Amino acid sequence: MLLPIIVVYNKEIKELPILNAPFQLKTEIFIYDNSLFPQEVPIIENLTIYYTHDKNNSGVSRAYNQGVMIAKKIDKRAVVLLDQDTIFTKDFLTLYEEKYIEYGEQYIYSPIICNSKSTKIYSPNLLNNFIGKTQSFDEFQFREKYDLNKKSVINSGLMIPISLFEKIGGYKENIKLDFSDIYFIEKYKKIENKIILIDLYINHCISGDEGYNFAKEYTRYKYYCLGAKELQNALNISIWHSPFRRLLRLTLKYKSFVFFKIFFTYFYK
């Protein structure tokens, strides 16, 4: 019924958290590998792995679109988007299937994404001028039919019925990483303004909230600026304040002006 899609980058498949425990039932997953070199696919009992290698690192949007194509070929009804480091329990697929049967194909389904200390809710997040803001864990109010007015959700953990995915038009492949979820959810909102929120709390680390890593944030900011520019063009909106806000934060954080060059090269020009 469901096909999990896992996008990996410079991570060994055998180290994926979802593969750590044995599979009691026959399961199929799709792995899209954006690493430079292809990997050997492990053989695991009761698990079929569909594997695609992309040395060009085309991004998550292409990976999701390719995953849906595979899902259609093997007669799945929905896909579940997973990150390489997100820790899920095996029975989460059963929980997703139960909610899918209850509410059907007109909704996107989302877990609750939080930090490891359970102080921040990353998703659903508050959305102001296309800038996501975390919610306080203590003040967060769970509603199964969750209104996305002035809110959004991130890609991680989303279950999307294939018929709805196609109605939305899929992910925009020019938006390779950052803002891919905002684009997709904004297109979804034109069809339906509520999602089904699953009572499942998942620990996850968000870019910019993982401490000091200059090389990683330097590279990631390029994708952020490119994604912002593509989103701006796709939705015909002005979004300069979002990459500029991150520019100021990174400049102060690392006491370096190199991020200005990225902003002007990848977004402003």
C-alpha atoms as a PDB file:
ATOM      1  CA  MET A   1       0.000   0.000   0.000  1.00  0.00           C
ATOM      2  CA  LEU A   2       2.800   2.456   0.955  1.00  0.00           C
ATOM      3  CA  LEU A   3       6.261   2.967  -0.495  1.00  0.00           C
ATOM      4  CA  PRO A   4       8.787   4.725   1.780  1.00  0.00           C
ATOM      5  CA  ILE A   5      11.185   6.977  -0.161  1.00  0.00           C
ATOM      6  CA  ILE A   6      14.572   7.559   1.464  1.00  0.00           C
ATOM      7  CA  VAL A   7      16.982  10.121   0.028  1.00  0.00           C
ATOM      8  CA  VAL A   8      20.615   9.579   1.018  1.00  0.00           C
ATOM      9  CA  TYR A   9      23.721  11.678   0.526  1.00  0.00           C
ATOM     10  CA  ASN A  10      27.177  10.509   1.581  1.00  0.00           C
ATOM     11  CA  LYS A  11      25.719   7.942   3.930  1.00  0.00           C
ATOM     12  CA  GLU A  12      26.017   4.179   3.746  1.00  0.00           C
ATOM     13  CA  ILE A  13      22.720   2.435   3.128  1.00  0.00           C
ATOM     14  CA  LYS A  14      23.467  -0.185   5.779  1.00  0.00           C
ATOM     15  CA  GLU A  15      23.623   2.604   8.383  1.00  0.00           C
ATOM     16  CA  LEU A  16      20.073   3.859   7.739  1.00  0.00           C
ATOM     17  CA  PRO A  17      18.122   3.771  11.036  1.00  0.00           C
ATOM     18  CA  ILE A  18      15.095   2.161   9.400  1.00  0.00           C
ATOM     19  CA  LEU A  19      17.186  -0.903   8.511  1.00  0.00           C
ATOM     20  CA  ASN A  20      18.460  -1.553  12.041  1.00  0.00           C
ATOM     21  CA  ALA A  21      15.691  -3.911  13.141  1.00  0.00           C
ATOM     22  CA  PRO A  22      14.395  -7.018  11.337  1.00  0.00           C
ATOM     23  CA  PHE A  23      11.341  -6.753   9.086  1.00  0.00           C
ATOM     24  CA  GLN A  24       8.580  -9.118  10.210  1.00  0.00           C
ATOM     25  CA  LEU A  25       6.395  -8.460   7.152  1.00  0.00           C
ATOM     26  CA  LYS A  26       7.319  -8.108   3.511  1.00  0.00           C
ATOM     27  CA  THR A  27       8.206  -4.473   2.894  1.00  0.00           C
ATOM     28  CA  GLU A  28       9.377  -2.454  -0.098  1.00  0.00           C
ATOM     29  CA  ILE A  29      11.342   0.800   0.020  1.00  0.00           C
ATOM     30  CA  PHE A  30      12.895   3.114  -2.557  1.00  0.00           C
ATOM     31  CA  ILE A  31      16.343   4.597  -1.958  1.00  0.00           C
ATOM     32  CA  TYR A  32      17.521   7.539  -4.057  1.00  0.00           C
ATOM     33  CA  ASP A  33      21.254   8.009  -3.603  1.00  0.00           C
ATOM     34  CA  ASN A  34      22.627  11.494  -4.332  1.00  0.00           C
ATOM     35  CA  SER A  35      26.193  10.482  -3.381  1.00  0.00           C
ATOM     36  CA  LEU A  36      29.056  10.703  -5.851  1.00  0.00           C
ATOM     37  CA  PHE A  37      29.599   6.941  -6.019  1.00  0.00           C
ATOM     38  CA  PRO A  38      26.990   4.148  -6.150  1.00  0.00           C
ATOM     39  CA  GLN A  39      26.597   1.705  -3.275  1.00  0.00           C
ATOM     40  CA  GLU A  40      26.019  -1.981  -2.918  1.00  0.00           C
ATOM     41  CA  VAL A  41      22.423  -2.641  -1.892  1.00  0.00           C
ATOM     42  CA  PRO A  42      22.223  -4.894   1.186  1.00  0.00           C
ATOM     43  CA  ILE A  43      20.121  -8.049   1.147  1.00  0.00           C
ATOM     44  CA  ILE A  44      17.678  -8.038   4.059  1.00  0.00           C
ATOM     45  CA  GLU A  45      15.047 -10.649   4.792  1.00  0.00           C
ATOM     46  CA  ASN A  46      11.474  -9.574   3.936  1.00  0.00           C
ATOM     47  CA  LEU A  47      12.747  -6.304   2.432  1.00  0.00           C
ATOM     48  CA  THR A  48      12.853  -5.326  -1.249  1.00  0.00           C
ATOM     49  CA  ILE A  49      14.975  -2.262  -1.981  1.00  0.00           C
ATOM     50  CA  TYR A  50      14.547  -0.308  -5.214  1.00  0.00           C
ATOM     51  CA  TYR A  51      17.716   1.699  -5.695  1.00  0.00           C
ATOM     52  CA  THR A  52      18.619   4.652  -7.930  1.00  0.00           C
ATOM     53  CA  HIS A  53      22.012   6.337  -7.951  1.00  0.00           C
ATOM     54  CA  ASP A  54      22.374   9.973  -9.033  1.00  0.00           C
ATOM     55  CA  LYS A  55      25.992  11.135  -9.114  1.00  0.00           C
ATOM     56  CA  ASN A  56      24.834  14.625 -10.115  1.00  0.00           C
ATOM     57  CA  ASN A  57      23.140  15.147  -6.742  1.00  0.00           C
ATOM     58  CA  SER A  58      19.929  16.385  -8.356  1.00  0.00           C
ATOM     59  CA  GLY A  59      18.230  16.937  -4.996  1.00  0.00           C
ATOM     60  CA  VAL A  60      15.211  15.741  -3.068  1.00  0.00           C
ATOM     61  CA  SER A  61      12.535  17.016  -5.449  1.00  0.00           C
ATOM     62  CA  ARG A  62      13.716  14.794  -8.278  1.00  0.00           C
ATOM     63  CA  ALA A  63      14.097  11.906  -5.830  1.00  0.00           C
ATOM     64  CA  TYR A  64      10.477  12.204  -4.694  1.00  0.00           C
ATOM     65  CA  ASN A  65       9.188  12.423  -8.254  1.00  0.00           C
ATOM     66  CA  GLN A  66      11.193   9.350  -9.221  1.00  0.00           C
ATOM     67  CA  GLY A  67       9.934   7.522  -6.150  1.00  0.00           C
ATOM     68  CA  VAL A  68       6.325   8.150  -7.131  1.00  0.00           C
ATOM     69  CA  MET A  69       7.043   6.718 -10.573  1.00  0.00           C
ATOM     70  CA  ILE A  70       8.349   3.533  -8.943  1.00  0.00           C
ATOM     71  CA  ALA A  71       5.364   3.422  -6.585  1.00  0.00           C
ATOM     72  CA  LYS A  72       2.943   3.553  -9.504  1.00  0.00           C
ATOM     73  CA  LYS A  73       4.754   0.715 -11.275  1.00  0.00           C
ATOM     74  CA  ILE A  74       4.458  -1.583  -8.260  1.00  0.00           C
ATOM     75  CA  ASP A  75       0.835  -0.597  -7.541  1.00  0.00           C
ATOM     76  CA  LYS A  76       1.333   1.400  -4.345  1.00  0.00           C
ATOM     77  CA  ARG A  77      -1.299   3.938  -3.319  1.00  0.00           C
ATOM     78  CA  ALA A  78       0.874   6.392  -1.388  1.00  0.00           C
ATOM     79  CA  VAL A  79       4.484   7.302  -0.662  1.00  0.00           C
ATOM     80  CA  VAL A  80       6.149   8.233   2.636  1.00  0.00           C
ATOM     81  CA  LEU A  81       9.064  10.689   2.492  1.00  0.00           C
ATOM     82  CA  LEU A  82      11.932   9.856   4.837  1.00  0.00           C
ATOM     83  CA  ASP A  83      15.291  11.457   5.629  1.00  0.00           C
ATOM     84  CA  GLN A  84      18.454   9.413   5.981  1.00  0.00           C
ATOM     85  CA  ASP A  85      18.945  10.261   9.668  1.00  0.00           C
ATOM     86  CA  THR A  86      15.356  10.345  10.875  1.00  0.00           C
ATOM     87  CA  ILE A  87      14.601   7.575  13.349  1.00  0.00           C
ATOM     88  CA  PHE A  88      11.307   5.778  12.825  1.00  0.00           C
ATOM     89  CA  THR A  89       9.903   2.699  14.466  1.00  0.00           C
ATOM     90  CA  LYS A  90       8.859  -0.154  12.196  1.00  0.00           C
ATOM     91  CA  ASP A  91       5.198   0.036  13.207  1.00  0.00           C
ATOM     92  CA  PHE A  92       4.891   3.621  11.960  1.00  0.00           C
ATOM     93  CA  LEU A  93       3.899   2.284   8.535  1.00  0.00           C
ATOM     94  CA  THR A  94       0.966   0.466  10.100  1.00  0.00           C
ATOM     95  CA  LEU A  95      -0.141   3.675  11.807  1.00  0.00           C
ATOM     96  CA  TYR A  96       0.056   5.547   8.498  1.00  0.00           C
ATOM     97  CA  GLU A  97      -1.981   2.882   6.745  1.00  0.00           C
ATOM     98  CA  GLU A  98      -4.690   3.032   9.412  1.00  0.00           C
ATOM     99  CA  LYS A  99      -5.047   6.802   8.994  1.00  0.00           C
ATOM    100  CA  TYR A 100      -5.013   6.474   5.221  1.00  0.00           C
ATOM    101  CA  ILE A 101      -7.900   4.002   5.401  1.00  0.00           C
ATOM    102  CA  GLU A 102      -9.780   6.348   7.753  1.00  0.00           C
ATOM    103  CA  TYR A 103      -9.378   9.614   5.803  1.00  0.00           C
ATOM    104  CA  GLY A 104      -8.619   8.569   2.232  1.00  0.00           C
ATOM    105  CA  GLU A 105      -6.780  10.219  -0.651  1.00  0.00           C
ATOM    106  CA  GLN A 106      -7.759  13.873  -0.309  1.00  0.00           C
ATOM    107  CA  TYR A 107      -5.233  14.746   2.437  1.00  0.00           C
ATOM    108  CA  ILE A 108      -1.505  14.862   3.049  1.00  0.00           C
ATOM    109  CA  TYR A 109      -0.529  13.123   6.296  1.00  0.00           C
ATOM    110  CA  SER A 110       2.217  14.402   8.577  1.00  0.00           C
ATOM    111  CA  PRO A 111       3.926  13.361  11.824  1.00  0.00           C
ATOM    112  CA  ILE A 112       5.099  15.884  14.407  1.00  0.00           C
ATOM    113  CA  ILE A 113       8.786  16.723  13.998  1.00  0.00           C
ATOM    114  CA  CYS A 114      10.591  17.931  17.095  1.00  0.00           C
ATOM    115  CA  ASN A 115      14.105  18.359  18.468  1.00  0.00           C
ATOM    116  CA  SER A 116      15.736  15.721  20.651  1.00  0.00           C
ATOM    117  CA  LYS A 117      15.061  17.711  23.832  1.00  0.00           C
ATOM    118  CA  SER A 118      11.332  17.986  23.027  1.00  0.00           C
ATOM    119  CA  THR A 119      11.345  21.760  23.405  1.00  0.00           C
ATOM    120  CA  LYS A 120      10.735  22.767  19.765  1.00  0.00           C
ATOM    121  CA  ILE A 121       8.204  21.671  17.164  1.00  0.00           C
ATOM    122  CA  TYR A 122       9.803  22.003  13.725  1.00  0.00           C
ATOM    123  CA  SER A 123       6.776  20.704  11.849  1.00  0.00           C
ATOM    124  CA  PRO A 124       4.028  21.821  11.683  1.00  0.00           C
ATOM    125  CA  ASN A 125       5.667  25.242  11.796  1.00  0.00           C
ATOM    126  CA  LEU A 126       4.402  28.792  11.762  1.00  0.00           C
ATOM    127  CA  LEU A 127       4.839  30.420   8.359  1.00  0.00           C
ATOM    128  CA  ASN A 128       5.320  34.171   8.027  1.00  0.00           C
ATOM    129  CA  ASN A 129       6.292  35.556   4.607  1.00  0.00           C
ATOM    130  CA  PHE A 130       7.577  32.077   3.706  1.00  0.00           C
ATOM    131  CA  ILE A 131       9.864  31.962   6.722  1.00  0.00           C
ATOM    132  CA  GLY A 132       9.207  28.995   8.973  1.00  0.00           C
ATOM    133  CA  LYS A 133       9.203  29.489  12.731  1.00  0.00           C
ATOM    134  CA  THR A 134       9.241  26.707  15.311  1.00  0.00           C
ATOM    135  CA  GLN A 135       6.400  26.179  17.750  1.00  0.00           C
ATOM    136  CA  SER A 136       6.916  25.712  21.466  1.00  0.00           C
ATOM    137  CA  PHE A 137       6.518  22.075  22.464  1.00  0.00           C
ATOM    138  CA  ASP A 138       4.558  22.997  25.589  1.00  0.00           C
ATOM    139  CA  GLU A 139       2.160  25.302  23.756  1.00  0.00           C
ATOM    140  CA  PHE A 140       1.620  23.087  20.713  1.00  0.00           C
ATOM    141  CA  GLN A 141      -2.009  21.993  20.310  1.00  0.00           C
ATOM    142  CA  PHE A 142      -2.560  18.676  18.574  1.00  0.00           C
ATOM    143  CA  ARG A 143      -5.508  18.435  16.202  1.00  0.00           C
ATOM    144  CA  GLU A 144      -5.904  15.461  13.912  1.00  0.00           C
ATOM    145  CA  LYS A 145      -7.424  17.606  11.167  1.00  0.00           C
ATOM    146  CA  TYR A 146      -4.836  20.337  11.282  1.00  0.00           C
ATOM    147  CA  ASP A 147      -5.402  23.706   9.592  1.00  0.00           C
ATOM    148  CA  LEU A 148      -2.446  24.987   7.573  1.00  0.00           C
ATOM    149  CA  ASN A 149      -3.526  28.625   7.553  1.00  0.00           C
ATOM    150  CA  LYS A 150      -0.269  30.560   8.120  1.00  0.00           C
ATOM    151  CA  LYS A 151       1.462  27.215   8.744  1.00  0.00           C
ATOM    152  CA  SER A 152       3.362  24.604   6.806  1.00  0.00           C
ATOM    153  CA  VAL A 153       5.038  21.223   7.230  1.00  0.00           C
ATOM    154  CA  ILE A 154       8.451  19.931   6.189  1.00  0.00           C
ATOM    155  CA  ASN A 155       9.047  16.994   3.857  1.00  0.00           C
ATOM    156  CA  SER A 156      10.267  14.571   6.492  1.00  0.00           C
ATOM    157  CA  GLY A 157       7.670  11.952   7.351  1.00  0.00           C
ATOM    158  CA  LEU A 158       4.973  13.124   4.942  1.00  0.00           C
ATOM    159  CA  MET A 159       2.642  10.486   3.531  1.00  0.00           C
ATOM    160  CA  ILE A 160       1.229  11.602   0.187  1.00  0.00           C
ATOM    161  CA  PRO A 161      -1.410   9.654  -1.761  1.00  0.00           C
ATOM    162  CA  ILE A 162      -0.194   9.194  -5.336  1.00  0.00           C
ATOM    163  CA  SER A 163      -3.414  10.499  -6.865  1.00  0.00           C
ATOM    164  CA  LEU A 164      -3.054  13.694  -4.784  1.00  0.00           C
ATOM    165  CA  PHE A 165       0.658  13.951  -5.612  1.00  0.00           C
ATOM    166  CA  GLU A 166      -0.202  13.963  -9.314  1.00  0.00           C
ATOM    167  CA  LYS A 167      -3.052  16.430  -8.813  1.00  0.00           C
ATOM    168  CA  ILE A 168      -0.622  18.837  -7.145  1.00  0.00           C
ATOM    169  CA  GLY A 169       1.829  18.325  -9.991  1.00  0.00           C
ATOM    170  CA  GLY A 170       4.680  16.766  -8.049  1.00  0.00           C
ATOM    171  CA  TYR A 171       7.748  18.491  -6.675  1.00  0.00           C
ATOM    172  CA  LYS A 172       9.487  21.216  -8.669  1.00  0.00           C
ATOM    173  CA  GLU A 173      12.862  19.719  -9.554  1.00  0.00           C
ATOM    174  CA  ASN A 174      14.564  23.110  -9.930  1.00  0.00           C
ATOM    175  CA  ILE A 175      14.033  23.539  -6.183  1.00  0.00           C
ATOM    176  CA  LYS A 176      16.552  20.916  -5.169  1.00  0.00           C
ATOM    177  CA  LEU A 177      16.501  21.144  -1.376  1.00  0.00           C
ATOM    178  CA  ASP A 178      15.450  24.163   0.680  1.00  0.00           C
ATOM    179  CA  PHE A 179      11.937  25.457  -0.093  1.00  0.00           C
ATOM    180  CA  SER A 180      10.965  22.233  -1.898  1.00  0.00           C
ATOM    181  CA  ASP A 181       8.455  21.502   0.864  1.00  0.00           C
ATOM    182  CA  ILE A 182       7.088  25.052   0.957  1.00  0.00           C
ATOM    183  CA  TYR A 183       6.480  24.990  -2.801  1.00  0.00           C
ATOM    184  CA  PHE A 184       4.724  21.623  -2.628  1.00  0.00           C
ATOM    185  CA  ILE A 185       2.564  22.528   0.372  1.00  0.00           C
ATOM    186  CA  GLU A 186       1.585  25.886  -1.101  1.00  0.00           C
ATOM    187  CA  LYS A 187       0.381  24.057  -4.225  1.00  0.00           C
ATOM    188  CA  TYR A 188      -1.464  21.598  -1.978  1.00  0.00           C
ATOM    189  CA  LYS A 189      -3.200  24.452  -0.140  1.00  0.00           C
ATOM    190  CA  LYS A 190      -4.899  25.452  -3.378  1.00  0.00           C
ATOM    191  CA  ILE A 191      -6.650  22.060  -3.212  1.00  0.00           C
ATOM    192  CA  GLU A 192      -7.052  21.474   0.537  1.00  0.00           C
ATOM    193  CA  ASN A 193      -6.061  23.623   3.533  1.00  0.00           C
ATOM    194  CA  LYS A 194      -5.999  20.862   6.137  1.00  0.00           C
ATOM    195  CA  ILE A 195      -3.664  17.929   6.676  1.00  0.00           C
ATOM    196  CA  ILE A 196      -4.107  14.836   8.802  1.00  0.00           C
ATOM    197  CA  LEU A 197      -1.709  15.126  11.712  1.00  0.00           C
ATOM    198  CA  ILE A 198      -0.529  11.763  13.019  1.00  0.00           C
ATOM    199  CA  ASP A 199       0.103  11.427  16.747  1.00  0.00           C
ATOM    200  CA  LEU A 200       3.697  10.397  16.131  1.00  0.00           C
ATOM    201  CA  TYR A 201       6.597  12.465  17.471  1.00  0.00           C
ATOM    202  CA  ILE A 202       9.872  12.170  15.558  1.00  0.00           C
ATOM    203  CA  ASN A 203      13.248  13.608  16.507  1.00  0.00           C
ATOM    204  CA  HIS A 204      14.957  15.458  13.700  1.00  0.00           C
ATOM    205  CA  CYS A 205      17.705  18.055  13.219  1.00  0.00           C
ATOM    206  CA  ILE A 206      16.940  21.108  11.105  1.00  0.00           C
ATOM    207  CA  SER A 207      19.556  22.938   9.035  1.00  0.00           C
ATOM    208  CA  GLY A 208      20.926  25.869  11.006  1.00  0.00           C
ATOM    209  CA  ASP A 209      19.999  24.293  14.327  1.00  0.00           C
ATOM    210  CA  GLU A 210      22.837  21.769  14.520  1.00  0.00           C
ATOM    211  CA  GLY A 211      25.587  23.900  16.047  1.00  0.00           C
ATOM    212  CA  TYR A 212      28.741  25.137  14.325  1.00  0.00           C
ATOM    213  CA  ASN A 213      29.732  23.583  11.021  1.00  0.00           C
ATOM    214  CA  PHE A 214      31.015  26.258   8.674  1.00  0.00           C
ATOM    215  CA  ALA A 215      31.634  24.035   5.626  1.00  0.00           C
ATOM    216  CA  LYS A 216      28.195  22.446   5.837  1.00  0.00           C
ATOM    217  CA  GLU A 217      26.335  25.725   6.313  1.00  0.00           C
ATOM    218  CA  TYR A 218      28.387  27.434   3.587  1.00  0.00           C
ATOM    219  CA  THR A 219      27.347  24.778   1.058  1.00  0.00           C
ATOM    220  CA  ARG A 220      23.784  24.607   2.341  1.00  0.00           C
ATOM    221  CA  TYR A 221      23.339  28.376   1.993  1.00  0.00           C
ATOM    222  CA  LYS A 222      23.938  28.049  -1.753  1.00  0.00           C
ATOM    223  CA  TYR A 223      21.013  25.639  -1.991  1.00  0.00           C
ATOM    224  CA  TYR A 224      18.970  27.932   0.234  1.00  0.00           C
ATOM    225  CA  CYS A 225      19.509  30.925  -2.067  1.00  0.00           C
ATOM    226  CA  LEU A 226      18.867  28.895  -5.215  1.00  0.00           C
ATOM    227  CA  GLY A 227      15.708  27.417  -3.707  1.00  0.00           C
ATOM    228  CA  ALA A 228      14.454  30.834  -2.635  1.00  0.00           C
ATOM    229  CA  LYS A 229      14.986  32.237  -6.118  1.00  0.00           C
ATOM    230  CA  GLU A 230      13.194  29.295  -7.774  1.00  0.00           C
ATOM    231  CA  LEU A 231      10.299  29.566  -5.307  1.00  0.00           C
ATOM    232  CA  GLN A 232      10.044  33.291  -5.972  1.00  0.00           C
ATOM    233  CA  ASN A 233       9.825  32.679  -9.713  1.00  0.00           C
ATOM    234  CA  ALA A 234       7.468  29.700  -9.446  1.00  0.00           C
ATOM    235  CA  LEU A 235       4.908  31.378  -7.166  1.00  0.00           C
ATOM    236  CA  ASN A 236       5.460  34.929  -8.469  1.00  0.00           C
ATOM    237  CA  ILE A 237       6.184  36.296  -5.005  1.00  0.00           C
ATOM    238  CA  SER A 238       8.903  38.373  -3.357  1.00  0.00           C
ATOM    239  CA  ILE A 239      10.989  36.341  -0.939  1.00  0.00           C
ATOM    240  CA  TRP A 240      14.306  38.235  -0.748  1.00  0.00           C
ATOM    241  CA  HIS A 241      13.882  38.768   3.003  1.00  0.00           C
ATOM    242  CA  SER A 242      14.218  35.036   3.716  1.00  0.00           C
ATOM    243  CA  PRO A 243      17.731  34.432   2.274  1.00  0.00           C
ATOM    244  CA  PHE A 244      18.797  37.904   3.454  1.00  0.00           C
ATOM    245  CA  ARG A 245      17.680  37.085   6.997  1.00  0.00           C
ATOM    246  CA  ARG A 246      19.730  33.891   6.919  1.00  0.00           C
ATOM    247  CA  LEU A 247      22.647  35.843   5.430  1.00  0.00           C
ATOM    248  CA  LEU A 248      22.720  38.126   8.460  1.00  0.00           C
ATOM    249  CA  ARG A 249      22.451  35.213  10.870  1.00  0.00           C
ATOM    250  CA  LEU A 250      25.320  33.285   9.234  1.00  0.00           C
ATOM    251  CA  THR A 251      27.492  36.413   8.984  1.00  0.00           C
ATOM    252  CA  LEU A 252      27.111  37.090  12.703  1.00  0.00           C
ATOM    253  CA  LYS A 253      27.430  33.432  13.640  1.00  0.00           C
ATOM    254  CA  TYR A 254      30.733  32.875  11.833  1.00  0.00           C
ATOM    255  CA  LYS A 255      31.964  36.493  11.794  1.00  0.00           C
ATOM    256  CA  SER A 256      32.608  36.194   8.061  1.00  0.00           C
ATOM    257  CA  PHE A 257      31.413  38.158   5.044  1.00  0.00           C
ATOM    258  CA  VAL A 258      31.807  35.271   2.567  1.00  0.00           C
ATOM    259  CA  PHE A 259      28.062  34.581   2.712  1.00  0.00           C
ATOM    260  CA  PHE A 260      27.389  37.935   1.020  1.00  0.00           C
ATOM    261  CA  LYS A 261      29.040  36.624  -2.137  1.00  0.00           C
ATOM    262  CA  ILE A 262      26.737  33.580  -2.112  1.00  0.00           C
ATOM    263  CA  PHE A 263      23.671  35.770  -1.647  1.00  0.00           C
ATOM    264  CA  PHE A 264      24.520  38.029  -4.589  1.00  0.00           C
ATOM    265  CA  THR A 265      25.698  35.178  -6.823  1.00  0.00           C
ATOM    266  CA  TYR A 266      22.957  32.626  -6.211  1.00  0.00           C
ATOM    267  CA  PHE A 267      19.937  34.733  -5.327  1.00  0.00           C
ATOM    268  CA  TYR A 268      20.271  38.401  -6.261  1.00  0.00           C
ATOM    269  CA  LYS A 269      21.703  37.834  -9.742  1.00  0.00           C
END
